[in-house]
Amino acid sequence: MQTPIVLSIQVGMPDEHGPDVISKKSWQSGIFKYPVEGRIWLDTLNLAGDGQQDLHNHGGPFRALLTYSAEHYPTWRDELARPEFPYGAFGENLTVTQLDETSVYLGDIYAVGEALVQVTQPRMPCWKLARRWEIKDLTARVDAHQWGGWYQRVLKPGYIEAGDTYQRVEMGNPRYPIQRLYTLGAEREGSQEAFAELSQSEVLTPSWREWFAKKLG
């Protein structure tokens, strides 16, 4: 397999959005992400110019960066009949080639530009995706595919840019690809052994550790 490449980098700050076809109410979110050109600074909490509205479910040191597989976009463009569906459509900061939720593992460490990042959890899709694109069942579709992407924490800050390689320099736990973590987190798989192991994982987002600890019988 060729070394994965960062095809696009997106950022966006929280803002208020007006009523749409799904709801007549205004709403706030940072899910609108737009591509940036040139080098951009990645710190331990965010890319420069990026932010999150809901800091309970997004953001923080264990969710500083959201990455999504570019390999999913051809399917989405066909399935949604939107041939121009842009990178960043799922609120991701990085859109990368080659990799997806089956080949990225909890604890993987990737070198991108000057930075080092570590995979910490899957991204579970929320209602804001549907409202972002005014597609009522988009969140359900993402959930059905289990294509939410993955969050990372930043081990080494630095400048990154589109075109950088996204190279795994240390493999995480092969028992927990992002797709399996998704099924565990969505309660589609029950494993006391997995719950016990994950509740003690130092690389997993703390709120996820706590959730798995509560599942122990």
Foldseek 3Di string as FASTA:
>chain_A
DDFKFFAWFWAFEKDWAAADPVGRHIDIWRLDIDTDADKWWQDQWEIVRHDTDPCVQATDNFFHFWEFEPVCVVVVCVVVVPVPCDPSLLSGRTYMYDDFQLRAFQQWWWDAAPWIKGWAAFRQADCVSCVSVVNRCPSVVCLVVVRRTTGIGTPGIDMHGGGTGTGTPDHDDNVGRRSVRSCVVVVVDDDLVVLVVQLPDPRYDNVSSVVSVVSHD
